[in-house]
N, C-alpha and C. Protein backbone atom coordinates (compact mmCIF):
# COMPACT_ATOMS: atom_id res chain seq x y z
N UNK A 1 0.83 -1.21 0.00
CA UNK A 1 0.00 0.00 0.00
C UNK A 1 0.86 1.26 0.00
N UNK A 2 1.94 1.24 0.82
CA UNK A 2 2.83 2.40 0.87
C UNK A 2 3.49 2.66 -0.48
N UNK A 3 3.85 1.54 -1.17
CA UNK A 3 4.47 1.69 -2.48
C UNK A 3 3.51 2.34 -3.47
N UNK A 4 2.24 1.93 -3.39
CA UNK A 4 1.23 2.50 -4.28
C UNK A 4 1.05 3.98 -3.99
N UNK A 5 0.97 4.31 -2.69
CA UNK A 5 0.81 5.71 -2.30
C UNK A 5 2.00 6.55 -2.74
N UNK A 6 3.20 5.98 -2.60
CA UNK A 6 4.40 6.71 -3.02
C UNK A 6 4.40 6.94 -4.53
N UNK A 7 3.95 5.91 -5.28
CA UNK A 7 3.88 6.05 -6.74
C UNK A 7 2.86 7.12 -7.12
N UNK A 8 1.71 7.10 -6.43
CA UNK A 8 0.67 8.11 -6.70
C UNK A 8 1.18 9.51 -6.39
N UNK A 9 1.89 9.65 -5.28
CA UNK A 9 2.42 10.96 -4.89
C UNK A 9 3.48 11.42 -5.87
N UNK A 10 4.31 10.50 -6.33
CA UNK A 10 5.35 10.86 -7.31
C UNK A 10 4.72 11.31 -8.62
N UNK A 11 3.69 10.57 -9.07
CA UNK A 11 2.99 10.94 -10.31
C UNK A 11 2.30 12.29 -10.14
N UNK A 12 1.73 12.52 -8.97
CA UNK A 12 1.07 13.79 -8.67
C UNK A 12 2.07 14.95 -8.73
N UNK A 13 3.22 14.76 -8.09
CA UNK A 13 4.25 15.81 -8.09
C UNK A 13 4.76 16.09 -9.50
N UNK A 14 4.89 15.03 -10.29
CA UNK A 14 5.34 15.19 -11.68
C UNK A 14 4.31 15.99 -12.48
N UNK A 15 3.03 15.63 -12.32
CA UNK A 15 1.96 16.33 -13.03
C UNK A 15 1.89 17.79 -12.59
N UNK A 16 2.01 18.01 -11.29
CA UNK A 16 1.94 19.37 -10.75
C UNK A 16 3.08 20.24 -11.30
N UNK A 17 4.28 19.70 -11.27
CA UNK A 17 5.44 20.44 -11.78
C UNK A 17 5.30 20.71 -13.27
N UNK A 18 4.85 19.70 -14.01
CA UNK A 18 4.68 19.86 -15.45
C UNK A 18 3.64 20.90 -15.81
N UNK A 19 2.55 20.93 -15.06
CA UNK A 19 1.49 21.90 -15.32
C UNK A 19 1.94 23.33 -15.02
N UNK A 20 2.70 23.50 -13.94
CA UNK A 20 3.23 24.83 -13.61
C UNK A 20 4.19 25.30 -14.70
N UNK A 21 5.06 24.39 -15.14
CA UNK A 21 6.02 24.73 -16.20
C UNK A 21 5.29 25.06 -17.50
N UNK A 22 4.25 24.27 -17.83
CA UNK A 22 3.48 24.51 -19.06
C UNK A 22 2.76 25.85 -19.01
N UNK A 23 2.19 26.19 -17.86
CA UNK A 23 1.52 27.48 -17.71
C UNK A 23 2.51 28.63 -17.90
N UNK A 24 3.72 28.45 -17.39
CA UNK A 24 4.76 29.48 -17.56
C UNK A 24 5.12 29.65 -19.03
N UNK A 25 5.25 28.54 -19.73
CA UNK A 25 5.55 28.60 -21.17
C UNK A 25 4.41 29.26 -21.94
N UNK A 26 3.18 28.96 -21.55
CA UNK A 26 2.02 29.57 -22.20
C UNK A 26 2.02 31.08 -21.98
N UNK A 27 2.34 31.49 -20.76
CA UNK A 27 2.38 32.92 -20.44
C UNK A 27 3.38 33.65 -21.32
N UNK A 28 4.62 33.15 -21.36
CA UNK A 28 5.66 33.81 -22.14
C UNK A 28 5.39 33.68 -23.64
N UNK A 29 4.78 32.56 -24.04
CA UNK A 29 4.45 32.38 -25.45
C UNK A 29 3.43 33.40 -25.92
N UNK A 30 2.37 33.58 -25.13
CA UNK A 30 1.33 34.55 -25.49
C UNK A 30 1.89 35.97 -25.44
N UNK A 31 2.66 36.28 -24.38
CA UNK A 31 3.23 37.62 -24.23
C UNK A 31 4.16 37.96 -25.40
N UNK A 32 4.86 36.95 -25.92
CA UNK A 32 5.78 37.18 -27.04
C UNK A 32 5.05 37.26 -28.37
N UNK A 33 3.96 36.50 -28.50
CA UNK A 33 3.25 36.42 -29.78
C UNK A 33 2.34 37.62 -30.02
N UNK A 34 1.77 38.15 -28.95
CA UNK A 34 0.82 39.26 -29.09
C UNK A 34 1.57 40.57 -29.34
N UNK A 35 1.12 41.31 -30.32
CA UNK A 35 1.73 42.61 -30.62
C UNK A 35 1.35 43.61 -29.53
N UNK A 36 2.34 44.30 -28.95
CA UNK A 36 2.04 45.30 -27.92
C UNK A 36 1.04 46.35 -28.40
N UNK A 37 1.10 46.69 -29.70
CA UNK A 37 0.19 47.69 -30.24
C UNK A 37 -1.27 47.23 -30.16
N UNK A 38 -1.48 45.92 -30.30
CA UNK A 38 -2.84 45.39 -30.20
C UNK A 38 -3.39 45.59 -28.80
N UNK A 39 -2.56 45.29 -27.81
CA UNK A 39 -2.99 45.46 -26.42
C UNK A 39 -3.22 46.94 -26.11
N UNK A 40 -2.33 47.79 -26.63
CA UNK A 40 -2.44 49.23 -26.39
C UNK A 40 -3.67 49.84 -27.04
N UNK A 41 -4.24 49.15 -28.01
CA UNK A 41 -5.42 49.69 -28.71
C UNK A 41 -6.68 49.63 -27.85
N UNK A 42 -6.64 48.83 -26.79
CA UNK A 42 -7.79 48.73 -25.89
C UNK A 42 -7.73 49.82 -24.83
N UNK A 43 -8.88 50.21 -24.34
CA UNK A 43 -8.94 51.12 -23.21
C UNK A 43 -8.31 50.42 -22.00
N UNK A 44 -7.40 51.07 -21.27
CA UNK A 44 -6.75 50.43 -20.12
C UNK A 44 -7.74 49.89 -19.10
N UNK A 45 -8.80 50.65 -18.84
CA UNK A 45 -9.80 50.20 -17.87
C UNK A 45 -10.54 48.98 -18.37
N UNK A 46 -10.96 49.01 -19.63
CA UNK A 46 -11.66 47.87 -20.22
C UNK A 46 -10.76 46.64 -20.25
N UNK A 47 -9.49 46.86 -20.61
CA UNK A 47 -8.53 45.76 -20.68
C UNK A 47 -8.32 45.13 -19.30
N UNK A 48 -8.14 45.98 -18.29
CA UNK A 48 -7.90 45.48 -16.95
C UNK A 48 -9.09 44.70 -16.41
N UNK A 49 -10.29 45.25 -16.62
CA UNK A 49 -11.50 44.57 -16.15
C UNK A 49 -11.70 43.26 -16.90
N UNK A 50 -11.47 43.28 -18.21
CA UNK A 50 -11.63 42.07 -19.01
C UNK A 50 -10.68 40.97 -18.60
N UNK A 51 -9.41 41.32 -18.41
CA UNK A 51 -8.42 40.33 -18.00
C UNK A 51 -8.73 39.81 -16.61
N UNK A 52 -9.17 40.69 -15.73
CA UNK A 52 -9.52 40.28 -14.37
C UNK A 52 -10.66 39.29 -14.37
N UNK A 53 -11.68 39.55 -15.20
CA UNK A 53 -12.82 38.65 -15.30
C UNK A 53 -12.39 37.28 -15.82
N UNK A 54 -11.57 37.29 -16.88
CA UNK A 54 -11.10 36.03 -17.47
C UNK A 54 -10.25 35.25 -16.47
N UNK A 55 -9.36 35.96 -15.76
CA UNK A 55 -8.47 35.30 -14.81
C UNK A 55 -9.25 34.71 -13.63
N UNK A 56 -10.23 35.46 -13.13
CA UNK A 56 -11.05 34.95 -12.02
C UNK A 56 -11.88 33.76 -12.48
N UNK A 57 -12.47 33.87 -13.68
CA UNK A 57 -13.25 32.75 -14.22
C UNK A 57 -12.36 31.52 -14.39
N UNK A 58 -11.13 31.75 -14.87
CA UNK A 58 -10.19 30.64 -15.03
C UNK A 58 -9.84 29.99 -13.71
N UNK A 59 -9.64 30.80 -12.68
CA UNK A 59 -9.32 30.27 -11.35
C UNK A 59 -10.47 29.45 -10.79
N UNK A 60 -11.69 29.97 -10.96
CA UNK A 60 -12.87 29.25 -10.47
C UNK A 60 -13.01 27.91 -11.19
N UNK A 61 -12.85 27.94 -12.51
CA UNK A 61 -12.96 26.71 -13.30
C UNK A 61 -11.86 25.72 -12.95
N UNK A 62 -10.64 26.23 -12.75
CA UNK A 62 -9.52 25.35 -12.43
C UNK A 62 -9.70 24.66 -11.09
N UNK A 63 -10.51 25.25 -10.22
CA UNK A 63 -10.74 24.67 -8.90
C UNK A 63 -12.02 23.85 -8.81
N UNK A 64 -12.65 23.60 -9.96
CA UNK A 64 -13.84 22.75 -9.97
C UNK A 64 -13.40 21.29 -9.99
N UNK A 65 -12.93 20.83 -8.85
CA UNK A 65 -12.36 19.50 -8.73
C UNK A 65 -13.36 18.42 -9.11
N UNK A 66 -12.87 17.45 -9.88
CA UNK A 66 -13.71 16.36 -10.34
C UNK A 66 -14.18 16.53 -11.77
N UNK A 67 -14.02 17.74 -12.32
CA UNK A 67 -14.42 18.00 -13.71
C UNK A 67 -13.16 18.43 -14.47
N UNK A 68 -12.35 17.46 -14.84
CA UNK A 68 -11.03 17.73 -15.41
C UNK A 68 -11.08 18.57 -16.69
N UNK A 69 -11.99 18.28 -17.65
CA UNK A 69 -12.02 19.11 -18.87
C UNK A 69 -12.25 20.59 -18.58
N UNK A 70 -13.19 20.88 -17.68
CA UNK A 70 -13.46 22.27 -17.31
C UNK A 70 -12.25 22.86 -16.59
N UNK A 71 -11.64 22.07 -15.73
CA UNK A 71 -10.45 22.52 -15.01
C UNK A 71 -9.32 22.90 -15.97
N UNK A 72 -9.11 22.08 -16.98
CA UNK A 72 -8.03 22.35 -17.93
C UNK A 72 -8.29 23.62 -18.73
N UNK A 73 -9.55 23.87 -19.07
CA UNK A 73 -9.89 25.11 -19.77
C UNK A 73 -9.58 26.32 -18.88
N UNK A 74 -10.02 26.23 -17.62
CA UNK A 74 -9.75 27.32 -16.69
C UNK A 74 -8.27 27.51 -16.45
N UNK A 75 -7.56 26.40 -16.32
CA UNK A 75 -6.11 26.44 -16.13
C UNK A 75 -5.42 27.17 -17.28
N UNK A 76 -5.89 26.94 -18.51
CA UNK A 76 -5.28 27.58 -19.69
C UNK A 76 -5.63 29.06 -19.79
N UNK A 77 -6.82 29.43 -19.32
CA UNK A 77 -7.24 30.83 -19.43
C UNK A 77 -6.35 31.77 -18.62
N UNK A 78 -5.83 31.29 -17.50
CA UNK A 78 -5.05 32.15 -16.60
C UNK A 78 -3.77 32.66 -17.24
N UNK A 79 -2.87 31.78 -17.72
CA UNK A 79 -1.65 32.30 -18.36
C UNK A 79 -1.92 33.05 -19.66
N UNK A 80 -2.99 32.67 -20.38
CA UNK A 80 -3.33 33.37 -21.62
C UNK A 80 -3.74 34.81 -21.31
N UNK A 81 -4.59 34.99 -20.29
CA UNK A 81 -5.05 36.33 -19.93
C UNK A 81 -3.90 37.21 -19.46
N UNK A 82 -3.08 36.67 -18.56
CA UNK A 82 -1.96 37.46 -18.03
C UNK A 82 -0.88 37.68 -19.09
N UNK A 83 -0.70 36.71 -19.96
CA UNK A 83 0.28 36.87 -21.03
C UNK A 83 -0.13 37.95 -22.01
N UNK A 84 -1.42 38.02 -22.30
CA UNK A 84 -1.94 39.03 -23.23
C UNK A 84 -1.71 40.44 -22.69
N UNK A 85 -2.10 40.67 -21.44
CA UNK A 85 -2.00 42.02 -20.89
C UNK A 85 -0.55 42.41 -20.59
N UNK A 86 0.33 41.41 -20.45
CA UNK A 86 1.73 41.69 -20.11
C UNK A 86 2.61 41.94 -21.32
N UNK A 87 2.07 41.75 -22.52
CA UNK A 87 2.88 41.88 -23.73
C UNK A 87 3.60 43.23 -23.85
N UNK A 88 2.91 44.37 -23.71
CA UNK A 88 3.62 45.66 -23.85
C UNK A 88 4.66 45.87 -22.76
N UNK A 89 4.33 45.42 -21.57
CA UNK A 89 5.23 45.60 -20.43
C UNK A 89 6.51 44.80 -20.60
N UNK A 90 6.38 43.51 -20.96
CA UNK A 90 7.56 42.66 -21.11
C UNK A 90 8.42 43.09 -22.30
N UNK A 91 7.79 43.66 -23.32
CA UNK A 91 8.54 44.09 -24.51
C UNK A 91 9.51 45.22 -24.18
N UNK A 92 9.22 45.96 -23.11
CA UNK A 92 10.06 47.10 -22.73
C UNK A 92 11.18 46.72 -21.76
N UNK A 93 11.12 45.51 -21.21
CA UNK A 93 12.08 45.11 -20.18
C UNK A 93 13.30 44.47 -20.83
N UNK A 94 14.46 44.84 -20.34
CA UNK A 94 15.71 44.27 -20.85
C UNK A 94 15.76 42.77 -20.56
N UNK A 95 16.26 42.01 -21.53
CA UNK A 95 16.31 40.55 -21.38
C UNK A 95 17.15 40.11 -20.18
N UNK A 96 18.19 40.87 -19.86
CA UNK A 96 19.04 40.51 -18.73
C UNK A 96 18.26 40.59 -17.41
N UNK A 97 17.35 41.57 -17.33
CA UNK A 97 16.52 41.70 -16.12
C UNK A 97 15.53 40.54 -16.03
N UNK A 98 14.94 40.17 -17.18
CA UNK A 98 14.02 39.03 -17.20
C UNK A 98 14.73 37.75 -16.77
N UNK A 99 15.94 37.57 -17.27
CA UNK A 99 16.72 36.38 -16.93
C UNK A 99 17.04 36.36 -15.44
N UNK A 100 17.50 37.49 -14.92
CA UNK A 100 17.85 37.56 -13.51
C UNK A 100 16.63 37.35 -12.62
N UNK A 101 15.51 37.94 -13.01
CA UNK A 101 14.27 37.76 -12.25
C UNK A 101 13.81 36.31 -12.28
N UNK A 102 13.99 35.64 -13.43
CA UNK A 102 13.63 34.24 -13.54
C UNK A 102 14.46 33.36 -12.62
N UNK A 103 15.76 33.62 -12.57
CA UNK A 103 16.65 32.85 -11.69
C UNK A 103 16.27 33.07 -10.23
N UNK A 104 16.01 34.32 -9.86
CA UNK A 104 15.64 34.63 -8.48
C UNK A 104 14.29 34.03 -8.11
N UNK A 105 13.38 33.95 -9.08
CA UNK A 105 12.07 33.32 -8.83
C UNK A 105 12.24 31.84 -8.55
N UNK A 106 13.09 31.18 -9.31
CA UNK A 106 13.37 29.76 -9.06
C UNK A 106 14.03 29.56 -7.71
N UNK A 107 14.90 30.50 -7.35
CA UNK A 107 15.55 30.43 -6.03
C UNK A 107 14.52 30.60 -4.92
N UNK A 108 13.58 31.54 -5.12
CA UNK A 108 12.51 31.74 -4.14
C UNK A 108 11.66 30.48 -4.01
N UNK A 109 11.40 29.82 -5.14
CA UNK A 109 10.64 28.56 -5.11
C UNK A 109 11.37 27.52 -4.29
N UNK A 110 12.68 27.39 -4.50
CA UNK A 110 13.47 26.43 -3.74
C UNK A 110 13.44 26.72 -2.25
N UNK A 111 13.58 27.99 -1.89
CA UNK A 111 13.56 28.38 -0.48
C UNK A 111 12.21 28.06 0.15
N UNK A 112 11.12 28.36 -0.57
CA UNK A 112 9.80 28.13 -0.01
C UNK A 112 9.45 26.64 0.03
N UNK A 113 10.02 25.85 -0.85
CA UNK A 113 9.82 24.39 -0.77
C UNK A 113 10.41 23.86 0.53
N UNK A 114 11.59 24.35 0.89
CA UNK A 114 12.23 23.93 2.13
C UNK A 114 11.47 24.46 3.34
N UNK A 115 11.12 25.76 3.30
CA UNK A 115 10.43 26.39 4.42
C UNK A 115 9.06 25.75 4.67
N UNK A 116 8.33 25.45 3.59
CA UNK A 116 7.00 24.86 3.74
C UNK A 116 7.07 23.43 4.28
N UNK A 117 8.17 22.75 3.99
CA UNK A 117 8.36 21.39 4.51
C UNK A 117 8.73 21.42 6.00
N UNK A 118 9.48 22.44 6.39
CA UNK A 118 9.93 22.55 7.78
C UNK A 118 8.87 23.15 8.70
N UNK A 119 8.09 24.09 8.17
CA UNK A 119 7.13 24.82 9.01
C UNK A 119 5.73 24.84 8.39
N UNK A 120 5.14 23.68 8.14
CA UNK A 120 3.82 23.65 7.48
C UNK A 120 2.72 24.35 8.28
N UNK A 121 2.74 24.18 9.60
CA UNK A 121 1.69 24.78 10.43
C UNK A 121 1.77 26.30 10.42
N UNK A 122 2.97 26.83 10.29
CA UNK A 122 3.14 28.29 10.23
C UNK A 122 2.40 28.87 9.03
N UNK A 123 2.56 28.24 7.88
CA UNK A 123 1.91 28.74 6.67
C UNK A 123 0.39 28.58 6.72
N UNK A 124 -0.07 27.53 7.40
CA UNK A 124 -1.51 27.36 7.57
C UNK A 124 -2.09 28.46 8.45
N UNK A 125 -1.32 28.88 9.46
CA UNK A 125 -1.80 29.89 10.38
C UNK A 125 -1.85 31.28 9.76
N UNK A 126 -0.92 31.57 8.85
CA UNK A 126 -0.82 32.94 8.34
C UNK A 126 -1.62 33.18 7.06
N UNK A 127 -2.26 32.15 6.52
CA UNK A 127 -2.93 32.33 5.22
C UNK A 127 -4.03 33.38 5.30
N UNK A 128 -4.77 33.43 6.41
CA UNK A 128 -5.80 34.45 6.57
C UNK A 128 -5.20 35.84 6.60
N UNK A 129 -4.08 35.97 7.31
CA UNK A 129 -3.38 37.25 7.37
C UNK A 129 -2.88 37.68 6.00
N UNK A 130 -2.43 36.70 5.21
CA UNK A 130 -1.95 36.99 3.86
C UNK A 130 -3.06 37.55 2.97
N UNK A 131 -4.25 36.98 3.11
CA UNK A 131 -5.40 37.45 2.32
C UNK A 131 -5.72 38.90 2.68
N UNK A 132 -5.75 39.19 3.98
CA UNK A 132 -6.03 40.56 4.43
C UNK A 132 -4.93 41.51 3.94
N UNK A 133 -3.67 41.07 4.04
CA UNK A 133 -2.55 41.89 3.60
C UNK A 133 -2.61 42.18 2.11
N UNK A 134 -3.02 41.17 1.33
CA UNK A 134 -3.12 41.36 -0.12
C UNK A 134 -4.21 42.37 -0.47
N UNK A 135 -5.36 42.25 0.19
CA UNK A 135 -6.45 43.21 -0.05
C UNK A 135 -5.99 44.63 0.30
N UNK A 136 -5.31 44.76 1.45
CA UNK A 136 -4.79 46.06 1.85
C UNK A 136 -3.79 46.61 0.87
N UNK A 137 -2.93 45.73 0.37
CA UNK A 137 -1.91 46.16 -0.60
C UNK A 137 -2.54 46.64 -1.90
N UNK A 138 -3.58 45.94 -2.35
CA UNK A 138 -4.28 46.35 -3.57
C UNK A 138 -4.90 47.73 -3.39
N UNK A 139 -5.53 47.95 -2.25
CA UNK A 139 -6.15 49.25 -1.98
C UNK A 139 -5.11 50.36 -1.92
N UNK A 140 -3.99 50.10 -1.25
CA UNK A 140 -2.92 51.09 -1.15
C UNK A 140 -2.34 51.39 -2.53
N UNK A 141 -2.18 50.34 -3.34
CA UNK A 141 -1.63 50.52 -4.69
C UNK A 141 -2.54 51.40 -5.54
N UNK A 142 -3.85 51.14 -5.48
CA UNK A 142 -4.80 51.92 -6.26
C UNK A 142 -4.79 53.38 -5.80
N UNK A 143 -4.81 53.59 -4.49
CA UNK A 143 -4.80 54.95 -3.95
C UNK A 143 -3.52 55.68 -4.32
N UNK A 144 -2.39 54.96 -4.25
CA UNK A 144 -1.10 55.59 -4.54
C UNK A 144 -0.99 56.01 -6.00
N UNK A 145 -1.59 55.25 -6.88
CA UNK A 145 -1.53 55.57 -8.31
C UNK A 145 -2.24 56.89 -8.60
N UNK A 146 -3.38 57.09 -7.94
CA UNK A 146 -4.21 58.25 -8.27
C UNK A 146 -4.02 59.44 -7.32
N UNK A 147 -3.66 59.17 -6.07
CA UNK A 147 -3.67 60.26 -5.10
C UNK A 147 -2.35 60.49 -4.36
N UNK A 148 -1.55 59.46 -4.18
CA UNK A 148 -0.36 59.59 -3.35
C UNK A 148 0.90 59.31 -4.15
N UNK A 149 2.00 59.83 -3.66
CA UNK A 149 3.29 59.59 -4.29
C UNK A 149 4.09 58.62 -3.43
N UNK A 150 3.76 57.34 -3.55
CA UNK A 150 4.40 56.29 -2.76
C UNK A 150 5.43 55.57 -3.62
N UNK A 151 6.57 55.28 -3.03
CA UNK A 151 7.62 54.55 -3.74
C UNK A 151 7.11 53.16 -4.09
N UNK A 152 6.93 52.87 -5.37
CA UNK A 152 6.37 51.59 -5.80
C UNK A 152 7.32 50.43 -5.55
N UNK A 153 8.61 50.72 -5.40
CA UNK A 153 9.55 49.65 -5.07
C UNK A 153 9.17 49.00 -3.75
N UNK A 154 8.78 49.82 -2.79
CA UNK A 154 8.34 49.31 -1.49
C UNK A 154 7.10 48.44 -1.65
N UNK A 155 6.17 48.89 -2.49
CA UNK A 155 4.94 48.13 -2.75
C UNK A 155 5.28 46.77 -3.35
N UNK A 156 6.21 46.74 -4.30
CA UNK A 156 6.58 45.48 -4.95
C UNK A 156 7.29 44.53 -3.98
N UNK A 157 8.07 45.07 -3.06
CA UNK A 157 8.74 44.22 -2.07
C UNK A 157 7.71 43.57 -1.16
N UNK A 158 6.74 44.36 -0.68
CA UNK A 158 5.68 43.82 0.17
C UNK A 158 4.87 42.77 -0.59
N UNK A 159 4.56 43.06 -1.85
CA UNK A 159 3.81 42.12 -2.69
C UNK A 159 4.56 40.80 -2.84
N UNK A 160 5.86 40.89 -3.06
CA UNK A 160 6.67 39.68 -3.22
C UNK A 160 6.65 38.84 -1.95
N UNK A 161 6.75 39.49 -0.80
CA UNK A 161 6.71 38.77 0.48
C UNK A 161 5.36 38.08 0.67
N UNK A 162 4.29 38.78 0.34
CA UNK A 162 2.94 38.21 0.47
C UNK A 162 2.79 36.97 -0.41
N UNK A 163 3.21 37.07 -1.66
CA UNK A 163 3.03 35.93 -2.57
C UNK A 163 4.00 34.79 -2.27
N UNK A 164 5.12 35.09 -1.64
CA UNK A 164 5.98 34.01 -1.17
C UNK A 164 5.28 33.25 -0.04
N UNK A 165 4.53 33.99 0.79
CA UNK A 165 3.73 33.33 1.82
C UNK A 165 2.65 32.45 1.22
N UNK A 166 1.95 32.96 0.20
CA UNK A 166 0.94 32.14 -0.49
C UNK A 166 1.58 30.92 -1.14
N UNK A 167 2.76 31.10 -1.71
CA UNK A 167 3.47 29.99 -2.34
C UNK A 167 3.78 28.91 -1.32
N UNK A 168 4.26 29.34 -0.14
CA UNK A 168 4.54 28.37 0.92
C UNK A 168 3.29 27.60 1.32
N UNK A 169 2.16 28.30 1.43
CA UNK A 169 0.90 27.65 1.80
C UNK A 169 0.46 26.66 0.73
N UNK A 170 0.55 27.06 -0.53
CA UNK A 170 0.16 26.15 -1.62
C UNK A 170 1.06 24.92 -1.69
N UNK A 171 2.33 25.10 -1.37
CA UNK A 171 3.25 23.96 -1.35
C UNK A 171 2.93 23.01 -0.21
N UNK A 172 2.47 23.57 0.92
CA UNK A 172 2.02 22.72 2.02
C UNK A 172 0.81 21.89 1.57
N UNK A 173 -0.14 22.55 0.92
CA UNK A 173 -1.32 21.84 0.42
C UNK A 173 -0.94 20.73 -0.56
N UNK A 174 0.07 20.99 -1.38
CA UNK A 174 0.47 20.01 -2.39
C UNK A 174 0.97 18.71 -1.76
N UNK A 175 1.41 18.79 -0.51
CA UNK A 175 1.88 17.59 0.19
C UNK A 175 0.76 16.89 0.96
N UNK A 176 -0.36 17.59 1.14
CA UNK A 176 -1.41 17.05 2.00
C UNK A 176 -2.67 16.62 1.25
N UNK A 177 -2.91 17.20 0.08
CA UNK A 177 -4.13 16.85 -0.65
C UNK A 177 -4.02 15.45 -1.25
N UNK A 178 -5.17 14.89 -1.58
CA UNK A 178 -5.18 13.59 -2.26
C UNK A 178 -4.47 13.73 -3.61
N UNK A 179 -3.53 12.82 -3.91
CA UNK A 179 -2.72 12.95 -5.14
C UNK A 179 -3.49 12.57 -6.41
N UNK A 180 -4.43 13.41 -6.80
CA UNK A 180 -5.20 13.17 -8.02
C UNK A 180 -4.83 14.22 -9.07
N UNK A 181 -5.11 13.91 -10.33
CA UNK A 181 -4.82 14.86 -11.41
C UNK A 181 -5.67 16.11 -11.27
N UNK A 182 -6.90 15.95 -10.79
CA UNK A 182 -7.78 17.09 -10.58
C UNK A 182 -7.18 18.07 -9.57
N UNK A 183 -6.66 17.54 -8.47
CA UNK A 183 -6.02 18.39 -7.48
C UNK A 183 -4.74 19.02 -8.02
N UNK A 184 -4.04 18.29 -8.87
CA UNK A 184 -2.81 18.83 -9.47
C UNK A 184 -3.12 20.05 -10.34
N UNK A 185 -4.22 19.99 -11.09
CA UNK A 185 -4.62 21.13 -11.93
C UNK A 185 -4.94 22.34 -11.06
N UNK A 186 -5.74 22.10 -10.02
CA UNK A 186 -6.15 23.20 -9.15
C UNK A 186 -4.95 23.87 -8.48
N UNK A 187 -4.06 23.06 -7.94
CA UNK A 187 -2.90 23.61 -7.24
C UNK A 187 -1.90 24.24 -8.19
N UNK A 188 -1.75 23.67 -9.39
CA UNK A 188 -0.79 24.23 -10.34
C UNK A 188 -1.19 25.65 -10.74
N UNK A 189 -2.49 25.91 -10.84
CA UNK A 189 -2.96 27.26 -11.17
C UNK A 189 -2.60 28.24 -10.07
N UNK A 190 -2.80 27.83 -8.83
CA UNK A 190 -2.47 28.70 -7.70
C UNK A 190 -0.97 28.95 -7.61
N UNK A 191 -0.18 27.90 -7.76
CA UNK A 191 1.27 28.04 -7.67
C UNK A 191 1.80 28.89 -8.82
N UNK A 192 1.23 28.72 -10.01
CA UNK A 192 1.65 29.55 -11.15
C UNK A 192 1.39 31.03 -10.87
N UNK A 193 0.22 31.35 -10.33
CA UNK A 193 -0.11 32.74 -10.00
C UNK A 193 0.85 33.29 -8.96
N UNK A 194 1.18 32.47 -7.96
CA UNK A 194 2.16 32.89 -6.94
C UNK A 194 3.49 33.23 -7.59
N UNK A 195 3.99 32.31 -8.40
CA UNK A 195 5.30 32.49 -9.03
C UNK A 195 5.30 33.66 -10.01
N UNK A 196 4.20 33.82 -10.74
CA UNK A 196 4.12 34.92 -11.71
C UNK A 196 4.19 36.27 -10.99
N UNK A 197 3.48 36.39 -9.89
CA UNK A 197 3.51 37.65 -9.14
C UNK A 197 4.89 37.91 -8.54
N UNK A 198 5.54 36.87 -8.04
CA UNK A 198 6.90 37.02 -7.51
C UNK A 198 7.83 37.47 -8.63
N UNK A 199 7.71 36.82 -9.79
CA UNK A 199 8.55 37.17 -10.94
C UNK A 199 8.33 38.63 -11.36
N UNK A 200 7.08 39.04 -11.48
CA UNK A 200 6.77 40.40 -11.90
C UNK A 200 7.28 41.43 -10.89
N UNK A 201 7.13 41.12 -9.61
CA UNK A 201 7.64 42.03 -8.58
C UNK A 201 9.15 42.16 -8.68
N UNK A 202 9.82 41.04 -8.92
CA UNK A 202 11.28 41.07 -9.04
C UNK A 202 11.72 41.87 -10.26
N UNK A 203 11.00 41.72 -11.36
CA UNK A 203 11.32 42.50 -12.57
C UNK A 203 11.21 43.99 -12.27
N UNK A 204 10.15 44.37 -11.58
CA UNK A 204 9.95 45.78 -11.25
C UNK A 204 11.04 46.28 -10.30
N UNK A 205 11.38 45.47 -9.30
CA UNK A 205 12.41 45.86 -8.33
C UNK A 205 13.77 46.00 -9.00
N UNK A 206 14.12 45.02 -9.83
CA UNK A 206 15.41 45.06 -10.53
C UNK A 206 15.45 46.20 -11.54
N UNK A 207 14.30 46.47 -12.16
CA UNK A 207 14.25 47.56 -13.14
C UNK A 207 14.36 48.93 -12.51
N UNK A 208 14.00 49.02 -11.21
CA UNK A 208 14.08 50.31 -10.52
C UNK A 208 15.47 50.62 -10.01
N UNK A 209 16.36 49.60 -10.02
CA UNK A 209 17.72 49.81 -9.51
C UNK A 209 18.51 50.75 -10.42
């Protein structure tokens, strides 16, 4: 029985890792393929609302455990939506910064894999605080854009810390949930979003240096 469970867990981890990697490739593929001028032709407000709706719908669908086809569609919508809106932004960033941010993101993943294995209960306890912190950060970011002159580097550092916390929590879940393909899809979407936000924050921080 233990051998079967170990095989199931190994297959689950392989599927989870593969799905996260595939989502990352989809994100960069879409961001590279879409012309920045096409994205710029949309109203920023309409574009932001549209992408937000698609990303939320994708997340909801990806978490509909037990319905794999629907989950896969939702899983694909997330990197496509974020890749589309990120096209103009990534086109302006120097490749060396993207490379450095990618390496640091992988390093952050490695650190959080170790931390989540050593302190699983800690990440379970702070997840509620992370949600509150993220909502607060979003509100502060919106206010700062329109009304205040706040150093955005500080905002990106706080954002990176918050999403590293979410990453740690999702990695804890990946060790505790039933090792099914449905759960792998759901968790891969969450982990991809965590890593994408960490990567984007790092790009912004490195670009501000």
